[in-house]
Amino acid sequence: MDLDEVDKGILYLLQRDAREITTQEMADQVGVSASTVRNRIKQMEEYGIIRGYYPDIDYDKAGLQLYVEIICSAPNPQREQLAGQARDIGGIISIREVLNGEDNMQIDAVGTDSDDVARITDELSELGVRVVNTKIIKNTVIQPFNYFGEHVVEGDRSE
């Protein structure tokens, strides 16, 4: 699917605040009808461009003080398979497969205490993933990728 300026504007607005913005508000900002916005969103979901809508959770406020990044090394031929198996480990919330370097898997996990984090790293080791390092995450800030239509939303349609 080739994304046009309307699609990019919609993606930008969804990244900024998918929960609160209405299709009419998006339509007003990108210059199309609300039904066009709904149809474009549906099409981007069907093509797999939009993969989901996720809450931004403050784990500390939710009583889960240990939000950790686990840097791992997995054999390249098995990396994708091991990443899939790691999804089943309780406490893991995201997995990124890295294409280059030896430390080719980055996993974010949430635990209630240090024993919980140790359990997660032990289960990863049992799968055949070598845990290289763990880092406690203090905060994560997510912002929209401005390639997706910031100039359309801002009203500059000359580009």
N, C-alpha and C. Protein backbone atom coordinates (compact mmCIF):
# COMPACT_ATOMS: atom_id res chain seq x y z
N MET A 1 0.86 -1.18 0.00
CA MET A 1 0.00 0.00 0.00
C MET A 1 0.89 1.23 0.00
N ASP A 2 0.65 2.12 -0.93
CA ASP A 2 1.37 3.38 -0.97
C ASP A 2 0.60 4.40 -0.13
N LEU A 3 1.30 5.00 0.81
CA LEU A 3 0.68 6.00 1.68
C LEU A 3 0.71 7.37 1.02
N ASP A 4 -0.44 8.03 0.98
CA ASP A 4 -0.47 9.40 0.49
C ASP A 4 -0.45 10.36 1.69
N GLU A 5 -0.57 11.65 1.41
CA GLU A 5 -0.48 12.65 2.47
C GLU A 5 -1.62 12.51 3.49
N VAL A 6 -2.79 12.11 3.05
CA VAL A 6 -3.92 11.92 3.96
C VAL A 6 -3.61 10.77 4.93
N ASP A 7 -3.13 9.65 4.38
CA ASP A 7 -2.78 8.50 5.23
C ASP A 7 -1.72 8.90 6.25
N LYS A 8 -0.70 9.60 5.80
CA LYS A 8 0.38 10.03 6.70
C LYS A 8 -0.15 10.95 7.79
N GLY A 9 -1.04 11.86 7.43
CA GLY A 9 -1.64 12.75 8.43
C GLY A 9 -2.44 11.98 9.46
N ILE A 10 -3.19 11.00 9.00
CA ILE A 10 -3.98 10.17 9.92
C ILE A 10 -3.05 9.39 10.86
N LEU A 11 -1.99 8.81 10.32
CA LEU A 11 -1.04 8.07 11.15
C LEU A 11 -0.39 8.99 12.19
N TYR A 12 -0.04 10.19 11.76
CA TYR A 12 0.57 11.13 12.69
C TYR A 12 -0.39 11.44 13.85
N LEU A 13 -1.63 11.71 13.52
CA LEU A 13 -2.62 12.05 14.56
C LEU A 13 -2.91 10.86 15.47
N LEU A 14 -2.98 9.67 14.91
CA LEU A 14 -3.19 8.48 15.74
C LEU A 14 -2.02 8.26 16.70
N GLN A 15 -0.81 8.50 16.22
CA GLN A 15 0.36 8.37 17.10
C GLN A 15 0.32 9.40 18.21
N ARG A 16 -0.17 10.57 17.90
CA ARG A 16 -0.20 11.64 18.90
C ARG A 16 -1.19 11.34 20.01
N ASP A 17 -2.38 10.81 19.65
CA ASP A 17 -3.38 10.52 20.68
C ASP A 17 -4.55 9.75 20.07
N ALA A 18 -4.36 8.47 19.85
CA ALA A 18 -5.39 7.65 19.21
C ALA A 18 -6.65 7.52 20.06
N ARG A 19 -6.51 7.65 21.33
CA ARG A 19 -7.67 7.42 22.21
C ARG A 19 -8.65 8.58 22.22
N GLU A 20 -8.14 9.78 22.18
CA GLU A 20 -9.00 10.95 22.37
C GLU A 20 -9.49 11.60 21.09
N ILE A 21 -8.77 11.45 19.99
CA ILE A 21 -9.15 12.15 18.77
C ILE A 21 -10.26 11.41 18.04
N THR A 22 -11.21 12.14 17.53
CA THR A 22 -12.31 11.54 16.77
C THR A 22 -11.96 11.53 15.29
N THR A 23 -12.69 10.72 14.53
CA THR A 23 -12.46 10.71 13.09
C THR A 23 -12.83 12.06 12.49
N GLN A 24 -13.82 12.75 13.06
CA GLN A 24 -14.17 14.08 12.55
C GLN A 24 -13.06 15.08 12.79
N GLU A 25 -12.44 15.01 13.97
CA GLU A 25 -11.32 15.91 14.25
C GLU A 25 -10.14 15.63 13.31
N MET A 26 -9.88 14.37 13.07
CA MET A 26 -8.81 14.02 12.12
C MET A 26 -9.16 14.54 10.73
N ALA A 27 -10.41 14.33 10.32
CA ALA A 27 -10.84 14.78 9.01
C ALA A 27 -10.66 16.29 8.85
N ASP A 28 -11.02 17.04 9.88
CA ASP A 28 -10.86 18.50 9.83
C ASP A 28 -9.40 18.90 9.67
N GLN A 29 -8.51 18.14 10.30
CA GLN A 29 -7.09 18.50 10.27
C GLN A 29 -6.38 18.07 9.00
N VAL A 30 -6.87 17.01 8.34
CA VAL A 30 -6.21 16.56 7.11
C VAL A 30 -7.00 16.92 5.86
N GLY A 31 -8.18 17.53 6.02
CA GLY A 31 -8.92 18.06 4.88
C GLY A 31 -9.72 17.06 4.09
N VAL A 32 -10.28 16.04 4.76
CA VAL A 32 -11.15 15.08 4.09
C VAL A 32 -12.38 14.85 4.98
N SER A 33 -13.28 13.98 4.56
CA SER A 33 -14.47 13.69 5.37
C SER A 33 -14.14 12.65 6.45
N ALA A 34 -14.99 12.60 7.46
CA ALA A 34 -14.81 11.62 8.54
C ALA A 34 -14.93 10.20 8.00
N SER A 35 -15.82 9.98 7.03
CA SER A 35 -15.96 8.63 6.46
C SER A 35 -14.69 8.23 5.70
N THR A 36 -14.03 9.18 5.06
CA THR A 36 -12.75 8.89 4.39
C THR A 36 -11.71 8.47 5.42
N VAL A 37 -11.66 9.17 6.56
CA VAL A 37 -10.72 8.82 7.62
C VAL A 37 -11.00 7.41 8.11
N ARG A 38 -12.27 7.09 8.37
CA ARG A 38 -12.61 5.75 8.84
C ARG A 38 -12.20 4.68 7.82
N ASN A 39 -12.47 4.95 6.54
CA ASN A 39 -12.10 3.99 5.50
C ASN A 39 -10.59 3.82 5.38
N ARG A 40 -9.86 4.92 5.49
CA ARG A 40 -8.40 4.85 5.40
C ARG A 40 -7.83 4.07 6.59
N ILE A 41 -8.35 4.31 7.79
CA ILE A 41 -7.88 3.58 8.98
C ILE A 41 -8.14 2.09 8.80
N LYS A 42 -9.34 1.75 8.35
CA LYS A 42 -9.68 0.34 8.14
C LYS A 42 -8.73 -0.30 7.12
N GLN A 43 -8.45 0.41 6.04
CA GLN A 43 -7.56 -0.10 5.01
C GLN A 43 -6.14 -0.29 5.56
N MET A 44 -5.65 0.67 6.35
CA MET A 44 -4.30 0.54 6.91
C MET A 44 -4.24 -0.58 7.95
N GLU A 45 -5.33 -0.83 8.64
CA GLU A 45 -5.38 -1.98 9.56
C GLU A 45 -5.33 -3.29 8.78
N GLU A 46 -6.10 -3.37 7.69
CA GLU A 46 -6.14 -4.58 6.87
C GLU A 46 -4.78 -4.88 6.24
N TYR A 47 -4.05 -3.85 5.85
CA TYR A 47 -2.72 -4.03 5.26
C TYR A 47 -1.65 -4.29 6.31
N GLY A 48 -2.00 -4.17 7.58
CA GLY A 48 -1.04 -4.41 8.65
C GLY A 48 -0.15 -3.22 8.95
N ILE A 49 -0.45 -2.08 8.36
CA ILE A 49 0.32 -0.87 8.67
C ILE A 49 0.01 -0.43 10.09
N ILE A 50 -1.26 -0.40 10.44
CA ILE A 50 -1.66 -0.17 11.83
C ILE A 50 -1.86 -1.54 12.45
N ARG A 51 -1.00 -1.86 13.42
CA ARG A 51 -1.02 -3.19 14.02
C ARG A 51 -1.82 -3.26 15.31
N GLY A 52 -2.12 -2.13 15.89
CA GLY A 52 -2.89 -2.16 17.13
C GLY A 52 -2.87 -0.81 17.81
N TYR A 53 -3.59 -0.75 18.90
CA TYR A 53 -3.69 0.46 19.72
C TYR A 53 -3.40 0.03 21.15
N TYR A 54 -2.39 0.64 21.75
CA TYR A 54 -1.93 0.18 23.06
C TYR A 54 -1.94 1.31 24.07
N PRO A 55 -2.30 1.01 25.31
CA PRO A 55 -2.23 2.04 26.35
C PRO A 55 -0.77 2.31 26.74
N ASP A 56 -0.50 3.53 27.13
CA ASP A 56 0.81 3.91 27.65
C ASP A 56 0.70 3.82 29.17
N ILE A 57 1.29 2.79 29.75
CA ILE A 57 1.11 2.49 31.17
C ILE A 57 2.32 2.96 31.97
N ASP A 58 2.05 3.64 33.06
CA ASP A 58 3.09 3.99 34.03
C ASP A 58 3.16 2.83 35.01
N TYR A 59 4.11 1.92 34.80
CA TYR A 59 4.19 0.71 35.59
C TYR A 59 4.48 0.99 37.06
N ASP A 60 5.25 2.03 37.34
CA ASP A 60 5.56 2.38 38.71
C ASP A 60 4.28 2.76 39.45
N LYS A 61 3.44 3.61 38.83
CA LYS A 61 2.18 4.00 39.45
C LYS A 61 1.21 2.83 39.57
N ALA A 62 1.40 1.83 38.72
CA ALA A 62 0.56 0.63 38.77
C ALA A 62 1.07 -0.38 39.79
N GLY A 63 2.12 0.00 40.54
CA GLY A 63 2.64 -0.86 41.58
C GLY A 63 3.66 -1.87 41.11
N LEU A 64 4.19 -1.68 39.92
CA LEU A 64 5.21 -2.59 39.36
C LEU A 64 6.50 -1.79 39.20
N GLN A 65 7.30 -1.79 40.24
CA GLN A 65 8.46 -0.91 40.30
C GLN A 65 9.57 -1.30 39.35
N LEU A 66 9.65 -2.55 38.94
CA LEU A 66 10.76 -2.99 38.12
C LEU A 66 10.36 -3.13 36.66
N TYR A 67 10.67 -2.11 35.89
CA TYR A 67 10.49 -2.08 34.45
C TYR A 67 11.90 -2.19 33.90
N VAL A 68 12.22 -3.30 33.26
CA VAL A 68 13.61 -3.55 32.87
C VAL A 68 13.74 -3.81 31.37
N GLU A 69 14.91 -3.43 30.86
CA GLU A 69 15.29 -3.80 29.51
C GLU A 69 16.31 -4.91 29.65
N ILE A 70 16.09 -6.00 28.95
CA ILE A 70 16.97 -7.15 29.00
C ILE A 70 17.63 -7.27 27.63
N ILE A 71 18.94 -7.11 27.61
CA ILE A 71 19.71 -7.22 26.37
C ILE A 71 20.15 -8.68 26.25
N CYS A 72 19.85 -9.29 25.10
CA CYS A 72 20.09 -10.72 24.93
C CYS A 72 20.84 -11.00 23.64
N SER A 73 21.38 -12.19 23.59
CA SER A 73 22.02 -12.69 22.39
C SER A 73 21.37 -14.03 22.06
N ALA A 74 20.91 -14.13 20.82
CA ALA A 74 20.28 -15.38 20.36
C ALA A 74 20.94 -15.78 19.05
N PRO A 75 21.10 -17.07 18.81
CA PRO A 75 21.67 -17.50 17.53
C PRO A 75 20.83 -16.96 16.37
N ASN A 76 21.47 -16.30 15.41
CA ASN A 76 20.74 -15.65 14.32
C ASN A 76 19.73 -16.55 13.60
N PRO A 77 20.07 -17.79 13.28
CA PRO A 77 19.09 -18.62 12.57
C PRO A 77 17.83 -18.89 13.41
N GLN A 78 17.94 -18.80 14.74
CA GLN A 78 16.82 -19.13 15.63
C GLN A 78 16.20 -17.89 16.28
N ARG A 79 16.74 -16.71 15.99
CA ARG A 79 16.30 -15.50 16.69
C ARG A 79 14.79 -15.29 16.62
N GLU A 80 14.22 -15.37 15.44
CA GLU A 80 12.78 -15.13 15.28
C GLU A 80 11.96 -16.16 16.06
N GLN A 81 12.36 -17.42 15.97
CA GLN A 81 11.65 -18.49 16.69
C GLN A 81 11.76 -18.28 18.21
N LEU A 82 12.95 -17.94 18.70
CA LEU A 82 13.15 -17.72 20.13
C LEU A 82 12.38 -16.49 20.61
N ALA A 83 12.31 -15.46 19.77
CA ALA A 83 11.53 -14.27 20.13
C ALA A 83 10.06 -14.64 20.28
N GLY A 84 9.57 -15.49 19.40
CA GLY A 84 8.19 -15.94 19.50
C GLY A 84 7.93 -16.74 20.77
N GLN A 85 8.87 -17.59 21.13
CA GLN A 85 8.73 -18.38 22.35
C GLN A 85 8.83 -17.49 23.60
N ALA A 86 9.65 -16.47 23.53
CA ALA A 86 9.82 -15.56 24.68
C ALA A 86 8.53 -14.80 24.99
N ARG A 87 7.67 -14.63 24.00
CA ARG A 87 6.40 -13.93 24.22
C ARG A 87 5.54 -14.62 25.27
N ASP A 88 5.74 -15.91 25.45
CA ASP A 88 4.93 -16.68 26.40
C ASP A 88 5.41 -16.56 27.85
N ILE A 89 6.54 -15.90 28.05
CA ILE A 89 7.07 -15.75 29.41
C ILE A 89 6.34 -14.60 30.10
N GLY A 90 5.76 -14.90 31.24
CA GLY A 90 5.01 -13.89 31.98
C GLY A 90 5.90 -12.72 32.37
N GLY A 91 5.42 -11.50 32.14
CA GLY A 91 6.15 -10.29 32.50
C GLY A 91 6.80 -9.61 31.31
N ILE A 92 6.99 -10.33 30.20
CA ILE A 92 7.58 -9.72 29.02
C ILE A 92 6.51 -8.92 28.28
N ILE A 93 6.83 -7.65 28.00
CA ILE A 93 5.85 -6.79 27.35
C ILE A 93 6.22 -6.38 25.93
N SER A 94 7.52 -6.46 25.59
CA SER A 94 7.90 -6.18 24.20
C SER A 94 9.22 -6.87 23.89
N ILE A 95 9.35 -7.23 22.62
CA ILE A 95 10.56 -7.89 22.13
C ILE A 95 10.94 -7.22 20.81
N ARG A 96 12.20 -6.80 20.72
CA ARG A 96 12.71 -6.22 19.49
C ARG A 96 13.84 -7.12 18.99
N GLU A 97 13.72 -7.55 17.73
CA GLU A 97 14.79 -8.32 17.10
C GLU A 97 15.71 -7.32 16.40
N VAL A 98 17.00 -7.40 16.70
CA VAL A 98 17.99 -6.49 16.15
C VAL A 98 18.76 -7.23 15.06
N LEU A 99 18.91 -6.60 13.90
CA LEU A 99 19.53 -7.29 12.77
C LEU A 99 21.04 -7.38 12.85
N ASN A 100 21.69 -6.43 13.49
CA ASN A 100 23.16 -6.48 13.48
C ASN A 100 23.71 -6.60 14.90
N GLY A 101 24.90 -7.10 14.97
CA GLY A 101 25.57 -7.25 16.26
C GLY A 101 25.21 -8.54 16.97
N GLU A 102 25.99 -8.82 17.99
CA GLU A 102 25.78 -10.04 18.76
C GLU A 102 24.59 -9.91 19.71
N ASP A 103 24.39 -8.72 20.27
CA ASP A 103 23.26 -8.49 21.18
C ASP A 103 22.04 -8.17 20.32
N ASN A 104 21.40 -9.23 19.83
CA ASN A 104 20.41 -9.08 18.77
C ASN A 104 18.96 -9.22 19.21
N MET A 105 18.72 -9.14 20.50
CA MET A 105 17.34 -9.18 21.00
C MET A 105 17.25 -8.25 22.21
N GLN A 106 16.30 -7.35 22.17
CA GLN A 106 16.07 -6.43 23.28
C GLN A 106 14.66 -6.69 23.79
N ILE A 107 14.57 -6.97 25.06
CA ILE A 107 13.29 -7.36 25.65
C ILE A 107 12.96 -6.40 26.78
N ASP A 108 11.74 -5.91 26.81
CA ASP A 108 11.25 -5.12 27.95
C ASP A 108 10.35 -6.02 28.77
N ALA A 109 10.54 -5.95 30.08
CA ALA A 109 9.75 -6.78 30.99
C ALA A 109 9.41 -5.98 32.23
N VAL A 110 8.35 -6.39 32.88
CA VAL A 110 7.90 -5.75 34.10
C VAL A 110 7.81 -6.82 35.18
N GLY A 111 8.35 -6.48 36.34
CA GLY A 111 8.31 -7.42 37.45
C GLY A 111 7.92 -6.75 38.74
N THR A 112 7.43 -7.55 39.65
CA THR A 112 7.01 -7.02 40.95
C THR A 112 8.19 -6.86 41.91
N ASP A 113 9.24 -7.67 41.72
CA ASP A 113 10.42 -7.59 42.58
C ASP A 113 11.59 -8.24 41.87
N SER A 114 12.76 -8.23 42.50
CA SER A 114 13.96 -8.77 41.85
C SER A 114 13.85 -10.27 41.58
N ASP A 115 13.12 -11.00 42.43
CA ASP A 115 12.92 -12.43 42.17
C ASP A 115 12.13 -12.65 40.89
N ASP A 116 11.17 -11.78 40.63
CA ASP A 116 10.36 -11.88 39.42
C ASP A 116 11.23 -11.64 38.18
N VAL A 117 12.10 -10.63 38.24
CA VAL A 117 13.01 -10.37 37.12
C VAL A 117 13.97 -11.54 36.93
N ALA A 118 14.47 -12.12 38.02
CA ALA A 118 15.35 -13.27 37.93
C ALA A 118 14.63 -14.45 37.27
N ARG A 119 13.36 -14.64 37.59
CA ARG A 119 12.58 -15.72 36.97
C ARG A 119 12.50 -15.51 35.46
N ILE A 120 12.26 -14.27 35.05
CA ILE A 120 12.15 -13.97 33.62
C ILE A 120 13.47 -14.27 32.91
N THR A 121 14.59 -13.81 33.49
CA THR A 121 15.89 -14.06 32.84
C THR A 121 16.24 -15.55 32.85
N ASP A 122 15.84 -16.26 33.91
CA ASP A 122 16.07 -17.71 33.95
C ASP A 122 15.28 -18.41 32.86
N GLU A 123 14.04 -18.01 32.67
CA GLU A 123 13.22 -18.63 31.62
C GLU A 123 13.77 -18.33 30.23
N LEU A 124 14.30 -17.13 30.03
CA LEU A 124 14.93 -16.82 28.75
C LEU A 124 16.14 -17.72 28.53
N SER A 125 16.95 -17.91 29.57
CA SER A 125 18.12 -18.78 29.46
C SER A 125 17.72 -20.21 29.12
N GLU A 126 16.64 -20.67 29.73
CA GLU A 126 16.15 -22.04 29.46
C GLU A 126 15.74 -22.20 28.00
N LEU A 127 15.30 -21.11 27.36
CA LEU A 127 14.94 -21.18 25.94
C LEU A 127 16.16 -21.27 25.04
N GLY A 128 17.32 -20.88 25.56
CA GLY A 128 18.53 -20.84 24.74
C GLY A 128 18.95 -19.43 24.38
N VAL A 129 18.38 -18.45 25.06
CA VAL A 129 18.73 -17.05 24.85
C VAL A 129 19.73 -16.66 25.94
N ARG A 130 20.85 -16.08 25.54
CA ARG A 130 21.85 -15.66 26.53
C ARG A 130 21.55 -14.23 26.95
N VAL A 131 21.34 -14.02 28.26
CA VAL A 131 21.09 -12.69 28.80
C VAL A 131 22.44 -12.01 28.98
N VAL A 132 22.62 -10.88 28.31
CA VAL A 132 23.88 -10.15 28.34
C VAL A 132 23.87 -9.08 29.42
N ASN A 133 22.74 -8.39 29.58
CA ASN A 133 22.67 -7.28 30.52
C ASN A 133 21.21 -6.98 30.83
N THR A 134 20.97 -6.43 32.00
CA THR A 134 19.64 -5.92 32.33
C THR A 134 19.79 -4.49 32.82
N LYS A 135 18.83 -3.66 32.44
CA LYS A 135 18.85 -2.26 32.84
C LYS A 135 17.47 -1.88 33.34
N ILE A 136 17.43 -1.18 34.45
CA ILE A 136 16.15 -0.69 34.97
C ILE A 136 15.78 0.58 34.21
N ILE A 137 14.57 0.60 33.70
CA ILE A 137 14.08 1.75 32.93
C ILE A 137 13.36 2.69 33.89
N LYS A 138 13.76 3.94 33.89
CA LYS A 138 13.11 4.94 34.74
C LYS A 138 11.86 5.49 34.06
N ASN A 139 11.98 5.81 32.77
CA ASN A 139 10.86 6.43 32.06
C ASN A 139 11.04 6.23 30.56
N THR A 140 9.93 6.16 29.86
CA THR A 140 9.94 6.09 28.41
C THR A 140 9.02 7.17 27.88
N VAL A 141 9.48 7.90 26.88
CA VAL A 141 8.66 8.92 26.23
C VAL A 141 8.48 8.49 24.79
N ILE A 142 7.24 8.47 24.35
CA ILE A 142 6.94 8.10 22.97
C ILE A 142 6.34 9.32 22.29
N GLN A 143 6.79 9.58 21.07
CA GLN A 143 6.25 10.70 20.32
C GLN A 143 5.99 10.26 18.90
N PRO A 144 5.13 10.96 18.18
CA PRO A 144 4.85 10.58 16.81
C PRO A 144 6.06 10.79 15.90
N PHE A 145 6.20 9.92 14.95
CA PHE A 145 7.23 10.03 13.93
C PHE A 145 6.76 11.11 12.97
N ASN A 146 7.48 12.22 12.87
CA ASN A 146 6.99 13.37 12.12
C ASN A 146 6.92 13.14 10.61
N TYR A 147 7.53 12.09 10.11
CA TYR A 147 7.41 11.77 8.68
C TYR A 147 5.94 11.56 8.31
N PHE A 148 5.17 11.04 9.26
CA PHE A 148 3.76 10.75 9.00
C PHE A 148 2.91 11.99 9.15
N GLY A 149 3.07 12.92 8.24
CA GLY A 149 2.10 13.97 8.05
C GLY A 149 2.08 15.13 9.00
N GLU A 150 3.15 15.39 9.75
CA GLU A 150 3.13 16.55 10.63
C GLU A 150 2.85 17.81 9.82
N HIS A 151 3.44 17.92 8.64
CA HIS A 151 3.22 19.11 7.82
C HIS A 151 1.78 19.19 7.31
N VAL A 152 1.12 18.05 7.14
CA VAL A 152 -0.29 18.06 6.71
C VAL A 152 -1.16 18.55 7.86
N VAL A 153 -0.90 18.06 9.04
CA VAL A 153 -1.69 18.43 10.21
C VAL A 153 -1.49 19.89 10.58
N GLU A 154 -0.26 20.37 10.41
CA GLU A 154 0.05 21.75 10.76
C GLU A 154 -0.57 22.73 9.77
N GLY A 155 -1.13 22.20 8.68
CA GLY A 155 -1.80 23.06 7.72
C GLY A 155 -0.94 23.46 6.53
N ASP A 156 0.32 23.05 6.49
CA ASP A 156 1.19 23.38 5.36
C ASP A 156 1.03 22.31 4.29
N ARG A 157 0.23 22.58 3.30
CA ARG A 157 -0.05 21.58 2.25
C ARG A 157 0.81 21.81 1.02
N SER A 158 1.77 22.69 1.10
CA SER A 158 2.59 22.99 -0.07
C SER A 158 3.63 21.91 -0.34
N GLU A 159 3.92 21.05 0.63
CA GLU A 159 4.96 20.03 0.44
C GLU A 159 4.42 18.81 -0.25
